[in-house]
C-alpha atoms as a PDB file:
ATOM      1  CA  MET A   1      23.265  89.679 -65.414  1.00  0.00           C
ATOM      2  CA  ASN A   2      23.925  92.684 -63.256  1.00  0.00           C
ATOM      3  CA  GLU A   3      26.697  93.284 -60.740  1.00  0.00           C
ATOM      4  CA  GLN A   4      24.405  92.316 -57.846  1.00  0.00           C
ATOM      5  CA  ASP A   5      23.879  88.808 -59.222  1.00  0.00           C
ATOM      6  CA  PRO A   6      25.593  86.398 -56.790  1.00  0.00           C
ATOM      7  CA  ALA A   7      26.976  84.369 -59.679  1.00  0.00           C
ATOM      8  CA  ARG A   8      28.950  87.422 -60.869  1.00  0.00           C
ATOM      9  CA  ARG A   9      30.294  88.598 -57.508  1.00  0.00           C
ATOM     10  CA  PRO A  10      33.937  87.804 -56.878  1.00  0.00           C
ATOM     11  CA  THR A  11      34.305  85.130 -54.263  1.00  0.00           C
ATOM     12  CA  ALA A  12      36.277  85.980 -51.162  1.00  0.00           C
ATOM     13  CA  ARG A  13      39.133  83.538 -50.763  1.00  0.00           C
ATOM     14  CA  ARG A  14      39.636  82.340 -47.228  1.00  0.00           C
ATOM     15  CA  ALA A  15      43.095  82.154 -45.792  1.00  0.00           C
ATOM     16  CA  VAL A  16      44.693  78.739 -45.957  1.00  0.00           C
ATOM     17  CA  CYS A  17      46.752  77.003 -43.340  1.00  0.00           C
ATOM     18  CA  PRO A  18      48.969  77.491 -41.533  1.00  0.00           C
ATOM     19  CA  GLU A  19      48.111  81.219 -41.347  1.00  0.00           C
ATOM     20  CA  GLY A  20      44.346  80.656 -41.554  1.00  0.00           C
ATOM     21  CA  ARG A  21      44.260  77.835 -39.022  1.00  0.00           C
ATOM     22  CA  LEU A  22      41.342  78.112 -36.594  1.00  0.00           C
ATOM     23  CA  SER A  23      42.633  75.797 -33.872  1.00  0.00           C
ATOM     24  CA  ASN A  24      45.924  76.056 -32.019  1.00  0.00           C
ATOM     25  CA  PRO A  25      48.294  73.069 -31.810  1.00  0.00           C
ATOM     26  CA  THR A  26      49.637  74.274 -28.467  1.00  0.00           C
ATOM     27  CA  ARG A  27      48.218  75.337 -25.130  1.00  0.00           C
ATOM     28  CA  ASP A  28      49.717  77.109 -22.156  1.00  0.00           C
ATOM     29  CA  LYS A  29      50.932  75.018 -19.225  1.00  0.00           C
ATOM     30  CA  ASP A  30      52.620  76.881 -16.406  1.00  0.00           C
ATOM     31  CA  GLY A  31      53.540  79.746 -18.731  1.00  0.00           C
ATOM     32  CA  ARG A  32      55.086  77.480 -21.353  1.00  0.00           C
ATOM     33  CA  PRO A  33      53.620  76.330 -24.679  1.00  0.00           C
ATOM     34  CA  VAL A  34      53.033  72.568 -24.859  1.00  0.00           C
ATOM     35  CA  ILE A  35      51.378  70.399 -27.484  1.00  0.00           C
ATOM     36  CA  ASP A  36      47.602  70.318 -27.258  1.00  0.00           C
ATOM     37  CA  VAL A  37      46.834  66.702 -28.129  1.00  0.00           C
ATOM     38  CA  THR A  38      43.255  67.667 -28.994  1.00  0.00           C
ATOM     39  CA  ALA A  39      44.450  69.927 -31.842  1.00  0.00           C
ATOM     40  CA  TYR A  40      47.962  68.805 -32.865  1.00  0.00           C
ATOM     41  CA  ILE A  41      47.535  67.007 -36.186  1.00  0.00           C
ATOM     42  CA  PRO A  42      50.588  64.692 -36.030  1.00  0.00           C
ATOM     43  CA  TYR A  43      49.290  63.346 -32.707  1.00  0.00           C
ATOM     44  CA  PHE A  44      45.956  62.372 -34.276  1.00  0.00           C
ATOM     45  CA  LEU A  45      47.544  60.891 -37.380  1.00  0.00           C
ATOM     46  CA  THR A  46      49.986  58.850 -35.311  1.00  0.00           C
ATOM     47  CA  SER A  47      47.383  57.810 -32.758  1.00  0.00           C
ATOM     48  CA  VAL A  48      44.850  56.627 -35.329  1.00  0.00           C
ATOM     49  CA  THR A  49      47.459  54.970 -37.546  1.00  0.00           C
ATOM     50  CA  ASN A  50      49.150  53.157 -34.663  1.00  0.00           C
ATOM     51  CA  ALA A  51      45.869  51.871 -33.259  1.00  0.00           C
ATOM     52  CA  LEU A  52      44.649  50.709 -36.676  1.00  0.00           C
ATOM     53  CA  SER A  53      47.967  49.128 -37.609  1.00  0.00           C
ATOM     54  CA  ARG A  54      48.367  47.333 -34.300  1.00  0.00           C
ATOM     55  CA  GLY A  55      44.850  45.886 -34.501  1.00  0.00           C
ATOM     56  CA  ALA A  56      45.137  44.982 -38.172  1.00  0.00           C
ATOM     57  CA  SER A  57      48.527  43.362 -37.762  1.00  0.00           C
ATOM     58  CA  GLN A  58      47.323  41.194 -34.891  1.00  0.00           C
ATOM     59  CA  LEU A  59      44.154  40.210 -36.764  1.00  0.00           C
ATOM     60  CA  TYR A  60      45.967  39.478 -40.030  1.00  0.00           C
ATOM     61  CA  LEU A  61      48.679  37.470 -38.275  1.00  0.00           C
ATOM     62  CA  GLU A  62      46.130  35.373 -36.408  1.00  0.00           C
ATOM     63  CA  THR A  63      43.819  34.916 -39.385  1.00  0.00           C
ATOM     64  CA  PHE A  64      46.109  34.870 -42.416  1.00  0.00           C
ATOM     65  CA  GLY A  65      49.656  34.341 -41.103  1.00  0.00           C
ATOM     66  CA  VAL A  66      50.939  37.713 -42.349  1.00  0.00           C
ATOM     67  CA  GLY A  67      51.237  41.050 -40.580  1.00  0.00           C
ATOM     68  CA  ILE A  68      50.462  44.607 -41.580  1.00  0.00           C
ATOM     69  CA  VAL A  69      53.775  45.223 -43.376  1.00  0.00           C
ATOM     70  CA  GLU A  70      53.280  42.124 -45.525  1.00  0.00           C
ATOM     71  CA  TRP A  71      49.693  43.214 -46.199  1.00  0.00           C
ATOM     72  CA  ARG A  72      50.828  46.684 -47.285  1.00  0.00           C
ATOM     73  CA  ALA A  73      53.353  45.123 -49.672  1.00  0.00           C
ATOM     74  CA  MET A  74      50.687  42.774 -51.055  1.00  0.00           C
ATOM     75  CA  ALA A  75      48.149  45.561 -51.487  1.00  0.00           C
ATOM     76  CA  THR A  76      50.744  47.639 -53.315  1.00  0.00           C
ATOM     77  CA  LEU A  77      51.705  44.758 -55.606  1.00  0.00           C
ATOM     78  CA  ALA A  78      48.031  44.114 -56.397  1.00  0.00           C
ATOM     79  CA  SER A  79      47.594  47.771 -57.372  1.00  0.00           C
ATOM     80  CA  GLU A  80      50.898  48.075 -59.184  1.00  0.00           C
ATOM     81  CA  PRO A  81      52.326  44.672 -60.151  1.00  0.00           C
ATOM     82  CA  ARG A  82      55.873  43.963 -61.309  1.00  0.00           C
ATOM     83  CA  ILE A  83      57.663  46.654 -59.343  1.00  0.00           C
ATOM     84  CA  PRO A  84      60.913  46.736 -57.366  1.00  0.00           C
ATOM     85  CA  ALA A  85      61.018  46.995 -53.585  1.00  0.00           C
ATOM     86  CA  ALA A  86      62.053  50.650 -53.844  1.00  0.00           C
ATOM     87  CA  ARG A  87      58.743  51.476 -55.513  1.00  0.00           C
ATOM     88  CA  ILE A  88      56.827  49.784 -52.687  1.00  0.00           C
ATOM     89  CA  CYS A  89      58.818  51.855 -50.186  1.00  0.00           C
ATOM     90  CA  GLU A  90      57.934  54.998 -52.123  1.00  0.00           C
ATOM     91  CA  LEU A  91      54.219  54.246 -52.438  1.00  0.00           C
ATOM     92  CA  VAL A  92      53.565  53.061 -48.890  1.00  0.00           C
ATOM     93  CA  ALA A  93      56.259  55.022 -47.055  1.00  0.00           C
ATOM     94  CA  LEU A  94      57.806  51.844 -45.660  1.00  0.00           C
ATOM     95  CA  ASP A  95      61.486  51.649 -44.829  1.00  0.00           C
ATOM     96  CA  LYS A  96      63.709  49.493 -47.020  1.00  0.00           C
ATOM     97  CA  ALA A  97      64.533  46.905 -44.377  1.00  0.00           C
ATOM     98  CA  ALA A  98      60.881  46.292 -43.445  1.00  0.00           C
ATOM     99  CA  THR A  99      59.929  46.039 -47.110  1.00  0.00           C
ATOM    100  CA  SER A 100      62.766  43.621 -47.822  1.00  0.00           C
ATOM    101  CA  ARG A 101      61.778  41.400 -44.885  1.00  0.00           C
ATOM    102  CA  ALA A 102      58.117  41.468 -45.932  1.00  0.00           C
ATOM    103  CA  LEU A 103      58.926  40.507 -49.522  1.00  0.00           C
ATOM    104  CA  ALA A 104      61.243  37.721 -48.392  1.00  0.00           C
ATOM    105  CA  ARG A 105      58.572  36.354 -46.037  1.00  0.00           C
ATOM    106  CA  LEU A 106      55.809  36.546 -48.645  1.00  0.00           C
ATOM    107  CA  HIS A 107      58.067  34.809 -51.162  1.00  0.00           C
ATOM    108  CA  GLU A 108      58.973  32.132 -48.606  1.00  0.00           C
ATOM    109  CA  LEU A 109      55.250  31.575 -47.949  1.00  0.00           C
ATOM    110  CA  GLY A 110      54.644  31.119 -51.672  1.00  0.00           C
ATOM    111  CA  TYR A 111      52.681  34.305 -52.420  1.00  0.00           C
ATOM    112  CA  LEU A 112      55.109  36.173 -54.687  1.00  0.00           C
ATOM    113  CA  GLY A 113      57.047  35.749 -57.870  1.00  0.00           C
ATOM    114  CA  PHE A 114      60.040  37.806 -58.905  1.00  0.00           C
ATOM    115  CA  GLU A 115      62.616  38.184 -61.592  1.00  0.00           C
ATOM    116  CA  ALA A 116      66.050  39.687 -61.222  1.00  0.00           C
ATOM    117  CA  PRO A 117      67.094  41.252 -64.519  1.00  0.00           C
ATOM    118  CA  GLU A 118      70.557  41.872 -63.080  1.00  0.00           C
ATOM    119  CA  PRO A 119      72.579  40.156 -60.365  1.00  0.00           C
ATOM    120  CA  ASP A 120      71.859  43.093 -58.027  1.00  0.00           C
ATOM    121  CA  PRO A 121      69.038  41.909 -55.688  1.00  0.00           C
ATOM    122  CA  ARG A 122      67.804  45.504 -55.376  1.00  0.00           C
ATOM    123  CA  LYS A 123      66.726  45.283 -59.005  1.00  0.00           C
ATOM    124  CA  LYS A 124      64.283  42.411 -58.434  1.00  0.00           C
ATOM    125  CA  VAL A 125      60.819  43.014 -59.823  1.00  0.00           C
ATOM    126  CA  TRP A 126      58.058  41.534 -57.660  1.00  0.00           C
ATOM    127  CA  TRP A 127      54.448  40.459 -58.265  1.00  0.00           C
ATOM    128  CA  LEU A 128      51.687  38.480 -56.591  1.00  0.00           C
ATOM    129  CA  ASN A 129      51.243  34.977 -57.928  1.00  0.00           C
ATOM    130  CA  ASP A 130      47.857  33.200 -57.990  1.00  0.00           C
ATOM    131  CA  GLU A 131      48.136  32.187 -54.319  1.00  0.00           C
ATOM    132  CA  GLY A 132      49.139  35.743 -53.470  1.00  0.00           C
ATOM    133  CA  TYR A 133      46.080  37.161 -55.206  1.00  0.00           C
ATOM    134  CA  ARG A 134      43.841  34.680 -53.384  1.00  0.00           C
ATOM    135  CA  LEU A 135      45.277  35.778 -50.033  1.00  0.00           C
ATOM    136  CA  HIS A 136      45.083  39.429 -51.080  1.00  0.00           C
ATOM    137  CA  ASP A 137      41.383  39.078 -51.877  1.00  0.00           C
ATOM    138  CA  ARG A 138      40.653  37.483 -48.499  1.00  0.00           C
ATOM    139  CA  ILE A 139      42.558  40.164 -46.556  1.00  0.00           C
ATOM    140  CA  LEU A 140      41.053  42.936 -48.684  1.00  0.00           C
ATOM    141  CA  ALA A 141      37.544  41.910 -47.630  1.00  0.00           C
ATOM    142  CA  VAL A 142      38.572  42.202 -43.969  1.00  0.00           C
ATOM    143  CA  ALA A 143      40.440  45.481 -44.559  1.00  0.00           C
ATOM    144  CA  LEU A 144      37.426  47.053 -46.278  1.00  0.00           C
ATOM    145  CA  GLU A 145      35.142  45.971 -43.438  1.00  0.00           C
ATOM    146  CA  ARG A 146      37.541  47.577 -40.962  1.00  0.00           C
ATOM    147  CA  GLU A 147      37.504  50.760 -43.021  1.00  0.00           C
ATOM    148  CA  ARG A 148      33.691  50.671 -43.150  1.00  0.00           C
ATOM    149  CA  ARG A 149      33.611  50.486 -39.361  1.00  0.00           C
ATOM    150  CA  LEU A 150      36.198  53.260 -39.077  1.00  0.00           C
ATOM    151  CA  ILE A 151      34.113  55.720 -41.111  1.00  0.00           C
ATOM    152  CA  ASP A 152      30.781  54.698 -39.567  1.00  0.00           C
ATOM    153  CA  GLY A 153      28.790  57.835 -38.754  1.00  0.00           C
ATOM    154  CA  VAL A 154      30.941  60.205 -40.829  1.00  0.00           C
ATOM    155  CA  ASP A 155      29.083  62.539 -43.185  1.00  0.00           C
ATOM    156  CA  PRO A 156      30.017  61.575 -46.785  1.00  0.00           C
ATOM    157  CA  GLU A 157      30.948  65.161 -47.685  1.00  0.00           C
ATOM    158  CA  ASP A 158      33.121  65.406 -44.567  1.00  0.00           C
ATOM    159  CA  LEU A 159      34.843  62.186 -45.575  1.00  0.00           C
ATOM    160  CA  GLU A 160      35.638  63.536 -49.037  1.00  0.00           C
ATOM    161  CA  THR A 161      36.945  66.774 -47.501  1.00  0.00           C
ATOM    162  CA  PHE A 162      39.080  64.745 -45.105  1.00  0.00           C
ATOM    163  CA  LEU A 163      40.503  62.682 -47.986  1.00  0.00           C
ATOM    164  CA  ARG A 164      41.273  65.857 -49.956  1.00  0.00           C
ATOM    165  CA  VAL A 165      43.075  67.332 -46.938  1.00  0.00           C
ATOM    166  CA  MET A 166      44.995  64.102 -46.337  1.00  0.00           C
ATOM    167  CA  ARG A 167      46.175  64.099 -49.973  1.00  0.00           C
ATOM    168  CA  ILE A 168      47.454  67.655 -49.569  1.00  0.00           C
ATOM    169  CA  MET A 169      49.234  66.775 -46.322  1.00  0.00           C
ATOM    170  CA  ARG A 170      50.725  63.647 -47.942  1.00  0.00           C
ATOM    171  CA  ARG A 171      52.243  65.822 -50.677  1.00  0.00           C
ATOM    172  CA  ASN A 172      53.505  68.251 -48.029  1.00  0.00           C
ATOM    173  CA  VAL A 173      55.254  65.435 -46.158  1.00  0.00           C
ATOM    174  CA  ASP A 174      57.688  65.040 -49.039  1.00  0.00           C
ATOM    175  CA  GLY A 175      58.773  68.667 -48.604  1.00  0.00           C
ATOM    176  CA  ILE A 176      59.149  68.221 -44.858  1.00  0.00           C
ATOM    177  CA  ALA A 177      61.218  65.047 -45.362  1.00  0.00           C
ATOM    178  CA  SER A 178      63.546  66.862 -47.758  1.00  0.00           C
ATOM    179  CA  ASP A 179      64.242  69.485 -45.050  1.00  0.00           C
ATOM    180  CA  ARG A 180      66.186  66.982 -42.892  1.00  0.00           C
ATOM    181  CA  GLY A 181      69.555  68.564 -43.485  1.00  0.00           C
ATOM    182  CA  LYS A 182      68.367  72.116 -42.810  1.00  0.00           C
END
């Protein structure tokens, strides 16, 4: 191979965000910067998530008797059984109170089992029982159909790029959250 062979040429590394960002999250309005909702990422994430969650919660409540928070807890317990509530909070980014209410409701409805190795209720380890798995499977079919409709028309490579970017941003959120006191 000679130096002109494209396989041997060093690849130019593009700048990464935020410095290499191509769009601008703000626009000028009367001489003042304001958020440009067509380019500000938190707006899109919040907008899409809120719309999906609101629709899913209503559908799941009407169809299955549980809302989106209960579904998220169930989905987490199906993926990672026998975990404490704190682990669910960590995995799904739910607050402790919402998670506690969801687990209590699912238990009351007969979908969960738990054991408390110590008298401290925060140490309870939760799992889906047989009824819980049956409900999970029914909701999962609906959830996957909703996802299929959400990604309808998206190029498969674009979808994989989007998922890669979302994973990076999810990791970055932890650093942002730890900056609260600064």
